[in-house]
Amino acid sequence: MIAVLQFSCRKKFKIYPSYGDFRLSTDTLFLDSVFTRISSPAYTFKIYNTSKKTIRLNRIQTNQGEASFFRFNVDGVPGKTFSNVTIPPEDSIYVFVEFTADASRLSDPVYEESLLISDESTIDTLLLTAFVKDAYFLYPRRYADHSVDSIQVGTYQDGTPIRVAGFMIRSDTTITADKPTVIYGHLGVAPGKTLTVEAGAHIYFHFNSGIVVYENASIRINGQLGREVILEDDRMQPDFENVPGMWNFIWLKQGSLNNRINYAIIKNAVAGVIAYPPNQNGDQVLEINNTQIYNMSAYGMIAIASKVSGYNLIFNNFGGSALSLQLGGNYNFNHCTFANYSNAIRNLPFSAVYISNFYQTYDNQGNETILVNDLTQCNINNSIIYGNRPVEFYAEKNENADFSFRLSHNLVKFDDPQNQFRQDYLDWNNPTYFSSNILNENPDFESTEENKLRIGLNSAAINIGDPSITAQFPLDIRGVNRTDSPDAGAYKHTDFDQ
């Protein structure tokens, strides 16, 4: 009886036809760039009821009706056309919008439809716009049982293979620049094969994707000045422009060789490049030049007992280190800018540049163990090592292996007013490790927040480089001759106003 009485006392709200009693939160919804045949993320707008009564909208649909490339969810109801949509008094409803189109069916990559919202007296219009990109798609095979192809990237302590979703290229392959390439899962370069990337190519990685280069295999990224190769995540909305950790890495596994990266921009991954030890012949693992690496959740580059050389490199914004060289190896870097102005909480050893001759790992029983290996050489010349922490260069030595490095003619952030670091290899007056470096002076970067690391007219890096090193690398990353002023870093100084 009580339930019946309660039900009978409920107020019944009357629904009134709307006569221009609504407004939209926007007049245009721009869906940024969308890949052909791939669903966009969901975008939203709101429809407001401006009256004090519950209103009914007659119809919501695009000018294409059921043939529309757009899909909607209006106040929780999915579809493409909607009738008799109600909105409570002085309230609003959400409209979610998604888009999928086939570029081959479009005469123009800029695609538009008009969403029409009508009542008894008014038709309001919202313009829906998307830029549809044609692309090549590379992805692992899917099987009838819904499983996905995978590649082995290691083994667990008990010998069980570690596999990740991915696929292997088993012949020499070229990624071209005629249209973007989107990678799902991990692209593996099989032993003995080469993946070549043409100048101007643009590679997008879906979440949890990357490139893995196996033993005796190579990757050659052949960018050029003005036609850089861009490697980034496939979330093209502006909100994701600088978000780290959106894909995984370029992983050069042990024994990969003759990898070359030139004029590339790598951003928004977990780690830009992971370089493992060379083959038994000690061949170069990686030569990386004129390359920018930004916005990694862990490392810009981490090298383990590897052999790497590079010049005109620009790194910034990492959860860990810009450059981490562990377990020794052989390295040469000239005219580089290794910066880290990330908002992440970083304590040592996560300085902008970190080097060591050991590596902490675990044995088959799960016990922590320390591997040691000679650091045969590590030369960093005419470079800038800077960031927002007091100490942005840090080194750690294990006495059971050689530890040979030298920093010369660099601008370095190493602020130690309490003299906490008393190791001889952190004594900047020790000529075995250091020569002609400038500490803690202003690099005068253009904008670290925007990853613009040109140096200005007030930079302490001006003309502090070793001319003999600059003569070997006469052009900065923009192709500007710097021999008349051997500045430290990847850029010759400039007037930002010009």
Protein backbone atom coordinates (compact mmCIF):
# COMPACT_ATOMS: atom_id res chain seq x y z
CA MET A 1 0.00 0.00 0.00
CA ILE A 2 2.82 2.41 0.87
CA ALA A 3 4.55 1.70 -2.45
CA VAL A 4 1.33 2.31 -4.34
CA LEU A 5 0.73 5.58 -2.51
CA GLN A 6 4.31 6.71 -3.20
CA PHE A 7 3.94 5.91 -6.87
CA SER A 8 0.63 7.68 -7.13
CA CYS A 9 2.10 10.81 -5.55
CA ARG A 10 4.98 11.15 -7.99
CA LYS A 11 4.91 14.36 -9.98
CA LYS A 12 4.47 13.87 -13.70
CA PHE A 13 6.58 16.31 -15.66
CA LYS A 14 4.97 17.74 -18.73
CA ILE A 15 7.07 17.93 -21.87
CA TYR A 16 6.68 21.06 -23.98
CA PRO A 17 7.62 21.63 -27.58
CA SER A 18 10.66 23.85 -27.88
CA TYR A 19 10.39 27.16 -29.70
CA GLY A 20 14.04 28.21 -29.84
CA ASP A 21 14.55 27.29 -26.18
CA PHE A 22 17.94 25.63 -26.65
CA ARG A 23 21.51 26.59 -27.42
CA LEU A 24 24.70 24.68 -28.27
CA SER A 25 28.01 24.82 -26.41
CA THR A 26 29.85 25.37 -29.72
CA ASP A 27 29.08 26.01 -33.34
CA THR A 28 31.99 23.92 -34.71
CA LEU A 29 33.44 20.59 -33.65
CA PHE A 30 36.86 20.01 -35.16
CA LEU A 31 37.98 16.38 -34.90
CA ASP A 32 41.64 17.08 -35.74
CA SER A 33 43.34 14.46 -37.91
CA VAL A 34 41.78 11.03 -38.30
CA PHE A 35 43.34 8.05 -40.05
CA THR A 36 41.39 6.41 -42.83
CA ARG A 37 39.15 3.53 -41.68
CA ILE A 38 40.19 4.07 -38.04
CA SER A 39 37.66 5.34 -35.52
CA SER A 40 38.41 8.69 -34.00
CA PRO A 41 38.36 9.30 -30.26
CA ALA A 42 35.06 10.54 -28.88
CA TYR A 43 34.45 14.29 -28.91
CA THR A 44 31.68 16.04 -27.02
CA PHE A 45 29.48 19.08 -26.99
CA LYS A 46 26.38 20.03 -24.98
CA ILE A 47 22.86 21.13 -25.78
CA TYR A 48 21.41 23.48 -23.16
CA ASN A 49 17.76 23.99 -22.28
CA THR A 50 17.48 27.74 -21.59
CA SER A 51 13.85 27.58 -20.36
CA LYS A 52 12.26 26.64 -17.06
CA LYS A 53 10.30 23.76 -18.56
CA THR A 54 11.16 20.34 -19.96
CA ILE A 55 11.49 20.74 -23.71
CA ARG A 56 11.41 18.43 -26.68
CA LEU A 57 13.69 18.79 -29.69
CA ASN A 58 12.12 17.44 -32.85
CA ARG A 59 15.18 16.03 -34.59
CA ILE A 60 18.97 15.72 -34.45
CA GLN A 61 20.81 14.44 -37.53
CA THR A 62 23.44 15.47 -40.05
CA ASN A 63 22.70 16.56 -43.58
CA GLN A 64 23.83 13.05 -44.63
CA GLY A 65 21.38 11.25 -42.36
CA GLU A 66 22.02 7.53 -41.97
CA ALA A 67 24.78 7.76 -44.61
CA SER A 68 26.85 9.96 -42.33
CA PHE A 69 30.47 9.07 -41.50
CA PHE A 70 29.77 10.43 -38.01
CA ARG A 71 28.25 8.44 -35.16
CA PHE A 72 26.54 9.94 -32.13
CA ASN A 73 25.46 9.21 -28.63
CA VAL A 74 22.80 11.64 -27.49
CA ASP A 75 22.14 11.56 -23.77
CA GLY A 76 23.15 7.89 -23.61
CA VAL A 77 21.38 6.75 -26.78
CA PRO A 78 23.60 5.71 -29.76
CA GLY A 79 22.65 6.29 -33.37
CA LYS A 80 22.81 8.62 -36.35
CA THR A 81 19.36 10.21 -36.30
CA PHE A 82 17.29 11.11 -33.25
CA SER A 83 13.71 12.28 -32.73
CA ASN A 84 11.83 13.73 -29.75
CA VAL A 85 14.89 14.40 -27.61
CA THR A 86 13.96 15.83 -24.20
CA ILE A 87 16.00 18.11 -21.96
CA PRO A 88 14.99 18.93 -18.35
CA PRO A 89 14.44 22.59 -17.39
CA GLU A 90 17.59 24.74 -17.18
CA ASP A 91 19.64 21.60 -17.76
CA SER A 92 21.72 20.14 -20.57
CA ILE A 93 22.56 16.88 -22.33
CA TYR A 94 25.86 15.59 -23.69
CA VAL A 95 26.32 14.61 -27.31
CA PHE A 96 29.30 12.36 -28.06
CA VAL A 97 30.66 12.29 -31.59
CA GLU A 98 32.89 9.72 -33.30
CA PHE A 99 34.02 9.51 -36.91
CA THR A 100 35.24 6.83 -39.30
CA ALA A 101 35.84 7.43 -43.01
CA ASP A 102 37.60 5.81 -45.93
CA ALA A 103 39.95 8.30 -47.58
CA SER A 104 39.53 6.54 -50.93
CA ARG A 105 35.85 7.57 -50.93
CA LEU A 106 36.58 11.24 -50.30
CA SER A 107 37.46 13.83 -52.92
CA ASP A 108 38.99 16.13 -50.29
CA PRO A 109 40.88 15.15 -47.12
CA VAL A 110 39.02 17.91 -45.26
CA TYR A 111 35.59 16.39 -44.66
CA GLU A 112 32.61 18.30 -43.31
CA GLU A 113 29.01 17.61 -42.41
CA SER A 114 26.41 19.83 -40.79
CA LEU A 115 24.63 18.56 -37.70
CA LEU A 116 21.09 19.95 -37.68
CA ILE A 117 19.23 20.38 -34.36
CA SER A 118 15.63 21.42 -34.89
CA ASP A 119 12.57 22.27 -32.84
CA GLU A 120 9.19 23.86 -33.73
CA SER A 121 10.65 27.16 -34.84
CA THR A 122 14.42 26.86 -35.11
CA ILE A 123 17.08 24.87 -36.91
CA ASP A 124 20.51 25.34 -35.34
CA THR A 125 23.59 24.05 -37.15
CA LEU A 126 26.84 22.68 -35.79
CA LEU A 127 29.67 22.19 -38.28
CA LEU A 128 31.51 18.86 -37.96
CA THR A 129 34.98 18.89 -39.51
CA ALA A 130 37.65 16.17 -39.76
CA PHE A 131 40.91 15.94 -41.63
CA VAL A 132 41.19 12.41 -42.98
CA LYS A 133 44.71 11.07 -43.44
CA ASP A 134 45.39 8.17 -45.72
CA ALA A 135 48.06 5.86 -44.30
CA TYR A 136 49.78 2.52 -44.47
CA PHE A 137 48.91 0.26 -41.54
CA LEU A 138 51.32 -2.33 -40.16
CA TYR A 139 50.02 -4.69 -37.49
CA PRO A 140 50.26 -8.28 -36.18
CA ARG A 141 47.96 -10.93 -37.57
CA ARG A 142 44.80 -11.81 -35.70
CA TYR A 143 43.61 -15.41 -35.63
CA ALA A 144 40.19 -17.05 -35.56
CA ASP A 145 40.48 -17.69 -31.82
CA HIS A 146 41.02 -13.91 -31.32
CA SER A 147 44.67 -14.35 -30.41
CA VAL A 148 47.26 -11.98 -31.84
CA ASP A 149 50.62 -12.70 -33.43
CA SER A 150 53.64 -12.00 -31.21
CA ILE A 151 57.43 -11.75 -31.21
CA GLN A 152 59.89 -12.90 -28.56
CA VAL A 153 61.86 -10.13 -26.86
CA GLY A 154 63.53 -12.11 -24.06
CA THR A 155 63.12 -14.90 -21.52
CA TYR A 156 61.91 -15.08 -17.96
CA GLN A 157 64.15 -16.43 -15.22
CA ASP A 158 62.80 -19.95 -15.76
CA GLY A 159 63.55 -19.81 -19.47
CA THR A 160 59.98 -19.16 -20.57
CA PRO A 161 59.90 -16.82 -23.59
CA ILE A 162 58.78 -13.24 -23.09
CA ARG A 163 56.51 -12.37 -25.98
CA VAL A 164 54.76 -9.16 -26.94
CA ALA A 165 52.12 -8.44 -29.55
CA GLY A 166 53.99 -7.87 -32.78
CA PHE A 167 55.12 -9.05 -36.18
CA MET A 168 58.45 -9.70 -37.90
CA ILE A 169 59.64 -8.30 -41.20
CA ARG A 170 61.72 -11.06 -42.79
CA SER A 171 63.02 -9.21 -45.82
CA ASP A 172 64.64 -5.83 -46.32
CA THR A 173 61.82 -3.28 -46.00
CA THR A 174 61.47 0.45 -46.70
CA ILE A 175 58.99 2.79 -45.05
CA THR A 176 58.28 5.48 -47.60
CA ALA A 177 57.28 9.12 -47.27
CA ASP A 178 54.36 9.15 -49.73
CA LYS A 179 51.88 8.78 -46.87
CA PRO A 180 52.09 8.16 -43.11
CA THR A 181 52.66 4.71 -41.63
CA VAL A 182 50.78 3.60 -38.51
CA ILE A 183 52.25 0.74 -36.47
CA TYR A 184 50.19 -1.43 -34.13
CA GLY A 185 52.16 -3.74 -31.85
CA HIS A 186 55.90 -4.21 -32.18
CA LEU A 187 57.59 -4.26 -35.55
CA GLY A 188 60.51 -6.70 -35.35
CA VAL A 189 63.41 -6.49 -37.79
CA ALA A 190 64.51 -10.11 -38.30
CA PRO A 191 68.19 -11.12 -38.01
CA GLY A 192 70.18 -10.13 -41.08
CA LYS A 193 67.50 -7.74 -42.40
CA THR A 194 67.35 -3.96 -42.67
CA LEU A 195 64.47 -1.57 -42.08
CA THR A 196 65.01 1.66 -44.02
CA VAL A 197 62.98 4.81 -43.42
CA GLU A 198 62.96 7.43 -46.16
CA ALA A 199 63.46 11.14 -45.60
CA GLY A 200 60.19 12.88 -44.80
CA ALA A 201 58.47 9.74 -43.55
CA HIS A 202 56.02 10.08 -40.67
CA ILE A 203 55.55 7.04 -38.44
CA TYR A 204 52.75 6.88 -35.88
CA PHE A 205 52.71 4.28 -33.11
CA HIS A 206 49.60 3.02 -31.39
CA PHE A 207 49.73 2.57 -27.63
CA ASN A 208 52.05 -0.26 -26.51
CA SER A 209 53.86 -0.40 -29.85
CA GLY A 210 57.44 0.03 -30.98
CA ILE A 211 60.34 -1.21 -33.10
CA VAL A 212 62.65 -4.07 -32.09
CA VAL A 213 65.87 -4.64 -34.08
CA TYR A 214 67.33 -8.13 -33.65
CA GLU A 215 70.86 -9.56 -33.86
CA ASN A 216 72.69 -8.73 -37.11
CA ALA A 217 69.72 -6.59 -38.17
CA SER A 218 69.72 -2.83 -38.75
CA ILE A 219 67.48 0.19 -38.85
CA ARG A 220 68.42 3.12 -41.10
CA ILE A 221 66.45 6.32 -40.56
CA ASN A 222 67.56 8.54 -43.41
CA GLY A 223 66.05 11.93 -42.65
CA GLN A 224 67.34 15.14 -44.17
CA LEU A 225 67.36 18.76 -43.10
CA GLY A 226 63.83 20.00 -43.78
CA ARG A 227 62.63 16.44 -44.40
CA GLU A 228 63.03 15.00 -40.93
CA VAL A 229 61.60 11.58 -40.10
CA ILE A 230 59.00 11.95 -37.34
CA LEU A 231 58.21 9.10 -34.97
CA GLU A 232 55.38 9.73 -32.51
CA ASP A 233 52.13 8.38 -31.07
CA ASP A 234 48.92 8.16 -33.07
CA ARG A 235 46.86 10.40 -30.77
CA MET A 236 46.76 13.51 -32.93
CA GLN A 237 44.58 15.72 -30.74
CA PRO A 238 46.37 18.85 -29.44
CA ASP A 239 45.91 17.67 -25.84
CA PHE A 240 48.31 14.79 -26.56
CA GLU A 241 50.97 16.86 -28.32
CA ASN A 242 53.55 16.45 -25.54
CA VAL A 243 52.24 13.54 -23.47
CA PRO A 244 54.99 10.97 -22.65
CA GLY A 245 54.61 7.19 -22.60
CA MET A 246 52.15 6.95 -25.49
CA TRP A 247 54.19 4.21 -27.24
CA ASN A 248 57.18 2.13 -26.23
CA PHE A 249 60.61 2.46 -27.87
CA ILE A 250 63.13 1.78 -30.59
CA TRP A 251 64.98 -1.20 -29.12
CA LEU A 252 68.33 -2.17 -30.61
CA LYS A 253 68.82 -5.63 -29.19
CA GLN A 254 72.18 -7.24 -28.44
CA GLY A 255 74.14 -7.83 -31.61
CA SER A 256 72.20 -5.45 -33.84
CA LEU A 257 74.66 -3.46 -35.89
CA ASN A 258 75.24 -0.46 -38.10
CA ASN A 259 72.04 1.22 -37.01
CA ARG A 260 71.88 4.82 -38.21
CA ILE A 261 69.48 7.62 -37.32
CA ASN A 262 69.84 10.99 -39.03
CA TYR A 263 67.50 13.96 -38.88
CA ALA A 264 64.76 12.31 -36.86
CA ILE A 265 62.28 13.68 -34.34
CA ILE A 266 61.30 11.05 -31.78
CA LYS A 267 58.75 11.94 -29.12
CA ASN A 268 56.13 10.84 -26.60
CA ALA A 269 57.35 7.28 -25.95
CA VAL A 270 58.59 5.40 -22.88
CA ALA A 271 62.19 5.48 -24.12
CA GLY A 272 63.38 6.99 -27.37
CA VAL A 273 66.22 4.57 -28.08
CA ILE A 274 67.43 1.53 -26.15
CA ALA A 275 70.87 0.33 -27.30
CA TYR A 276 72.27 -3.01 -26.14
CA PRO A 277 75.80 -4.44 -26.54
CA PRO A 278 77.50 -4.82 -29.93
CA ASN A 279 78.18 -8.13 -31.65
CA GLN A 280 81.34 -10.14 -30.95
CA ASN A 281 83.25 -8.09 -33.52
CA GLY A 282 82.54 -4.94 -31.54
CA ASP A 283 80.86 -3.22 -34.49
CA GLN A 284 79.16 0.09 -33.96
CA VAL A 285 75.64 -0.35 -32.61
CA LEU A 286 74.30 3.10 -33.41
CA GLU A 287 75.33 6.30 -35.12
CA ILE A 288 72.76 8.99 -34.32
CA ASN A 289 73.07 12.52 -35.66
CA ASN A 290 70.93 15.66 -36.09
CA THR A 291 68.17 14.10 -34.04
CA GLN A 292 65.68 15.45 -31.50
CA ILE A 293 64.18 13.29 -28.73
CA TYR A 294 61.47 14.71 -26.47
CA ASN A 295 58.84 13.77 -23.88
CA MET A 296 59.76 10.26 -22.72
CA SER A 297 58.32 8.81 -19.53
CA ALA A 298 61.68 7.13 -18.81
CA TYR A 299 64.79 7.80 -20.94
CA GLY A 300 65.71 9.74 -24.02
CA MET A 301 68.37 7.15 -24.74
CA ILE A 302 69.58 4.32 -22.54
CA ALA A 303 72.62 2.33 -23.65
CA ILE A 304 73.80 -0.84 -21.91
CA ALA A 305 77.44 -1.82 -22.58
CA SER A 306 76.89 -0.46 -26.06
CA LYS A 307 78.85 1.39 -28.73
CA VAL A 308 77.22 4.64 -29.82
CA SER A 309 78.33 7.91 -31.38
CA GLY A 310 76.36 11.04 -32.13
CA TYR A 311 76.43 14.74 -32.86
CA ASN A 312 73.86 17.55 -33.07
CA LEU A 313 71.49 15.79 -30.69
CA ILE A 314 68.78 17.65 -28.75
CA PHE A 315 67.07 15.90 -25.83
CA ASN A 316 64.52 17.30 -23.35
CA ASN A 317 61.74 16.32 -20.95
CA PHE A 318 62.17 12.85 -19.44
CA GLY A 319 60.96 11.04 -16.35
CA GLY A 320 64.48 9.63 -15.95
CA SER A 321 67.64 10.67 -17.76
CA ALA A 322 68.08 12.26 -21.14
CA LEU A 323 71.15 10.06 -21.72
CA SER A 324 71.84 7.04 -19.50
CA LEU A 325 74.99 5.02 -20.25
CA GLN A 326 75.20 1.96 -18.02
CA LEU A 327 77.46 -1.10 -17.74
CA GLY A 328 80.33 0.58 -19.53
CA GLY A 329 80.74 0.62 -23.27
CA ASN A 330 82.20 2.98 -25.84
CA TYR A 331 80.66 6.39 -26.58
CA ASN A 332 81.41 9.65 -28.39
CA PHE A 333 79.08 12.66 -28.39
CA ASN A 334 79.85 16.07 -29.87
CA HIS A 335 77.87 19.29 -30.08
CA CYS A 336 74.83 17.87 -28.26
CA THR A 337 72.21 19.45 -26.01
CA PHE A 338 71.21 17.02 -23.27
CA ALA A 339 68.53 18.78 -21.23
CA ASN A 340 65.84 17.70 -18.83
CA TYR A 341 63.27 20.22 -17.70
CA SER A 342 60.59 17.63 -16.94
CA ASN A 343 58.12 18.17 -14.12
CA ALA A 344 58.77 14.60 -12.98
CA ILE A 345 60.29 14.03 -9.55
CA ARG A 346 63.90 13.12 -10.30
CA ASN A 347 66.55 12.16 -7.81
CA LEU A 348 70.03 10.88 -8.56
CA PRO A 349 71.01 8.91 -10.55
CA PHE A 350 68.36 10.38 -12.87
CA SER A 351 70.43 13.35 -13.96
CA ALA A 352 70.23 14.63 -17.52
CA VAL A 353 73.37 12.59 -18.28
CA TYR A 354 74.30 9.54 -16.23
CA ILE A 355 77.22 7.15 -16.81
CA SER A 356 78.37 4.02 -14.98
CA ASN A 357 80.39 0.85 -15.48
CA PHE A 358 77.90 -1.45 -13.75
CA TYR A 359 74.29 -2.53 -13.98
CA GLN A 360 71.94 -3.73 -11.26
CA THR A 361 69.84 -6.75 -12.24
CA TYR A 362 68.56 -10.06 -10.82
CA ASP A 363 69.80 -13.63 -11.15
CA ASN A 364 67.66 -16.71 -11.91
CA GLN A 365 66.71 -17.01 -8.24
CA GLY A 366 65.49 -13.44 -8.10
CA ASN A 367 68.46 -12.19 -6.09
CA GLU A 368 69.82 -8.75 -6.87
CA THR A 369 73.18 -8.90 -8.57
CA ILE A 370 75.55 -6.35 -10.04
CA LEU A 371 77.15 -6.78 -13.45
CA VAL A 372 80.33 -4.85 -14.23
CA ASN A 373 81.98 -4.01 -17.54
CA ASP A 374 84.71 -1.67 -18.73
CA LEU A 375 83.78 1.80 -19.79
CA THR A 376 86.53 1.97 -22.38
CA GLN A 377 85.74 5.54 -23.36
CA CYS A 378 83.00 8.12 -23.09
CA ASN A 379 83.79 11.48 -24.65
CA ILE A 380 81.32 14.34 -24.47
CA ASN A 381 82.63 17.48 -26.15
CA ASN A 382 81.26 20.94 -26.99
CA SER A 383 77.89 20.08 -25.47
CA ILE A 384 75.32 21.41 -23.02
CA ILE A 385 74.18 19.26 -20.09
CA TYR A 386 71.47 21.10 -18.23
CA GLY A 387 68.08 20.92 -16.54
CA ASN A 388 65.98 21.95 -13.56
CA ARG A 389 67.77 19.82 -10.96
CA PRO A 390 70.95 20.96 -9.13
CA VAL A 391 73.08 18.12 -10.53
CA GLU A 392 72.50 17.19 -14.18
CA PHE A 393 75.69 15.22 -14.78
CA TYR A 394 76.31 12.23 -12.55
CA ALA A 395 78.67 9.26 -12.69
CA GLU A 396 79.06 6.11 -10.61
CA LYS A 397 82.06 3.80 -10.65
CA ASN A 398 82.54 0.16 -9.69
CA GLU A 399 86.18 -0.52 -8.84
CA ASN A 400 86.11 -3.92 -10.55
CA ALA A 401 86.05 -2.46 -14.08
CA ASP A 402 87.73 0.35 -15.99
CA PHE A 403 86.01 3.71 -15.91
CA SER A 404 87.35 6.02 -18.59
CA PHE A 405 85.42 9.13 -19.54
CA ARG A 406 86.19 12.74 -20.40
CA LEU A 407 84.05 15.86 -20.64
CA SER A 408 85.60 18.77 -22.51
CA HIS A 409 84.41 22.28 -23.39
CA ASN A 410 80.84 21.77 -22.13
CA LEU A 411 78.31 23.92 -20.28
CA VAL A 412 77.10 21.78 -17.37
CA LYS A 413 74.64 22.11 -14.49
CA PHE A 414 76.50 20.78 -11.43
CA ASP A 415 75.55 22.82 -8.40
CA ASP A 416 77.18 21.33 -5.29
CA PRO A 417 77.68 24.17 -2.79
CA GLN A 418 77.96 21.77 0.15
CA ASN A 419 80.68 19.74 -1.57
CA GLN A 420 78.72 16.50 -1.17
CA PHE A 421 80.37 14.76 -4.11
CA ARG A 422 83.98 14.02 -3.26
CA GLN A 423 84.75 11.26 -5.74
CA ASP A 424 87.75 12.06 -7.90
CA TYR A 425 85.65 11.41 -11.03
CA LEU A 426 83.22 14.16 -9.96
CA ASP A 427 85.97 16.67 -9.22
CA TRP A 428 85.76 19.18 -12.07
CA ASN A 429 89.37 20.17 -11.47
CA ASN A 430 90.57 16.64 -12.17
CA PRO A 431 92.17 16.74 -15.66
CA THR A 432 91.75 12.98 -16.07
CA TYR A 433 88.02 13.44 -16.47
CA PHE A 434 87.36 17.13 -17.16
CA SER A 435 88.77 19.94 -19.27
CA SER A 436 87.60 23.50 -19.94
CA ASN A 437 84.00 23.06 -18.78
CA ILE A 438 81.75 25.91 -17.60
CA LEU A 439 79.49 25.13 -14.63
CA ASN A 440 76.10 26.53 -13.64
CA GLU A 441 75.96 29.48 -16.02
CA ASN A 442 72.83 30.40 -17.97
CA PRO A 443 72.37 28.50 -21.27
CA ASP A 444 69.68 31.02 -22.31
CA PHE A 445 67.40 28.47 -23.97
CA GLU A 446 64.56 29.83 -26.07
CA SER A 447 61.73 27.91 -24.33
CA THR A 448 62.32 24.68 -22.41
CA GLU A 449 58.56 24.25 -21.89
CA GLU A 450 58.08 24.07 -25.65
CA ASN A 451 61.22 22.00 -26.33
CA LYS A 452 62.81 24.97 -28.10
CA LEU A 453 66.45 24.71 -27.10
CA ARG A 454 68.13 27.23 -29.35
CA ILE A 455 70.56 29.36 -27.35
CA GLY A 456 70.23 33.13 -27.30
CA LEU A 457 72.62 36.02 -27.32
CA ASN A 458 73.15 35.81 -23.54
CA SER A 459 74.08 32.13 -23.44
CA ALA A 460 77.13 31.05 -21.48
CA ALA A 461 77.63 28.37 -24.16
CA ILE A 462 78.74 30.94 -26.75
CA ASN A 463 82.26 30.39 -28.05
CA ILE A 464 83.30 27.91 -25.34
CA GLY A 465 83.68 24.94 -27.71
CA ASP A 466 86.94 23.39 -28.82
CA PRO A 467 87.56 24.69 -32.39
CA SER A 468 89.22 21.43 -33.40
CA ILE A 469 86.01 19.55 -32.55
CA THR A 470 83.83 22.11 -34.29
CA ALA A 471 85.94 21.78 -37.43
CA GLN A 472 84.81 18.13 -37.63
CA PHE A 473 81.13 19.13 -37.28
CA PRO A 474 81.01 22.58 -38.91
CA LEU A 475 77.21 22.80 -39.33
CA ASP A 476 74.72 22.97 -36.49
CA ILE A 477 71.44 21.03 -36.58
CA ARG A 478 69.82 23.75 -38.72
CA GLY A 479 72.66 23.66 -41.24
CA VAL A 480 74.19 26.93 -39.97
CA ASN A 481 77.98 27.16 -40.12
CA ARG A 482 79.33 27.57 -36.60
CA THR A 483 83.10 27.47 -37.17
CA ASP A 484 83.37 31.23 -36.57
CA SER A 485 81.85 30.72 -33.11
CA PRO A 486 82.33 27.20 -31.71
CA ASP A 487 79.39 27.30 -29.30
CA ALA A 488 78.56 24.36 -27.09
CA GLY A 489 75.41 22.48 -27.95
CA ALA A 490 73.56 21.50 -31.11
CA TYR A 491 72.67 25.09 -32.08
CA LYS A 492 74.75 28.11 -32.91
CA HIS A 493 73.50 31.06 -30.87
CA THR A 494 70.85 33.27 -32.44
CA ASP A 495 68.74 36.34 -31.84
CA PHE A 496 65.28 34.94 -31.01
CA ASP A 497 63.62 38.10 -32.35
CA GLN A 498 64.94 37.55 -35.85
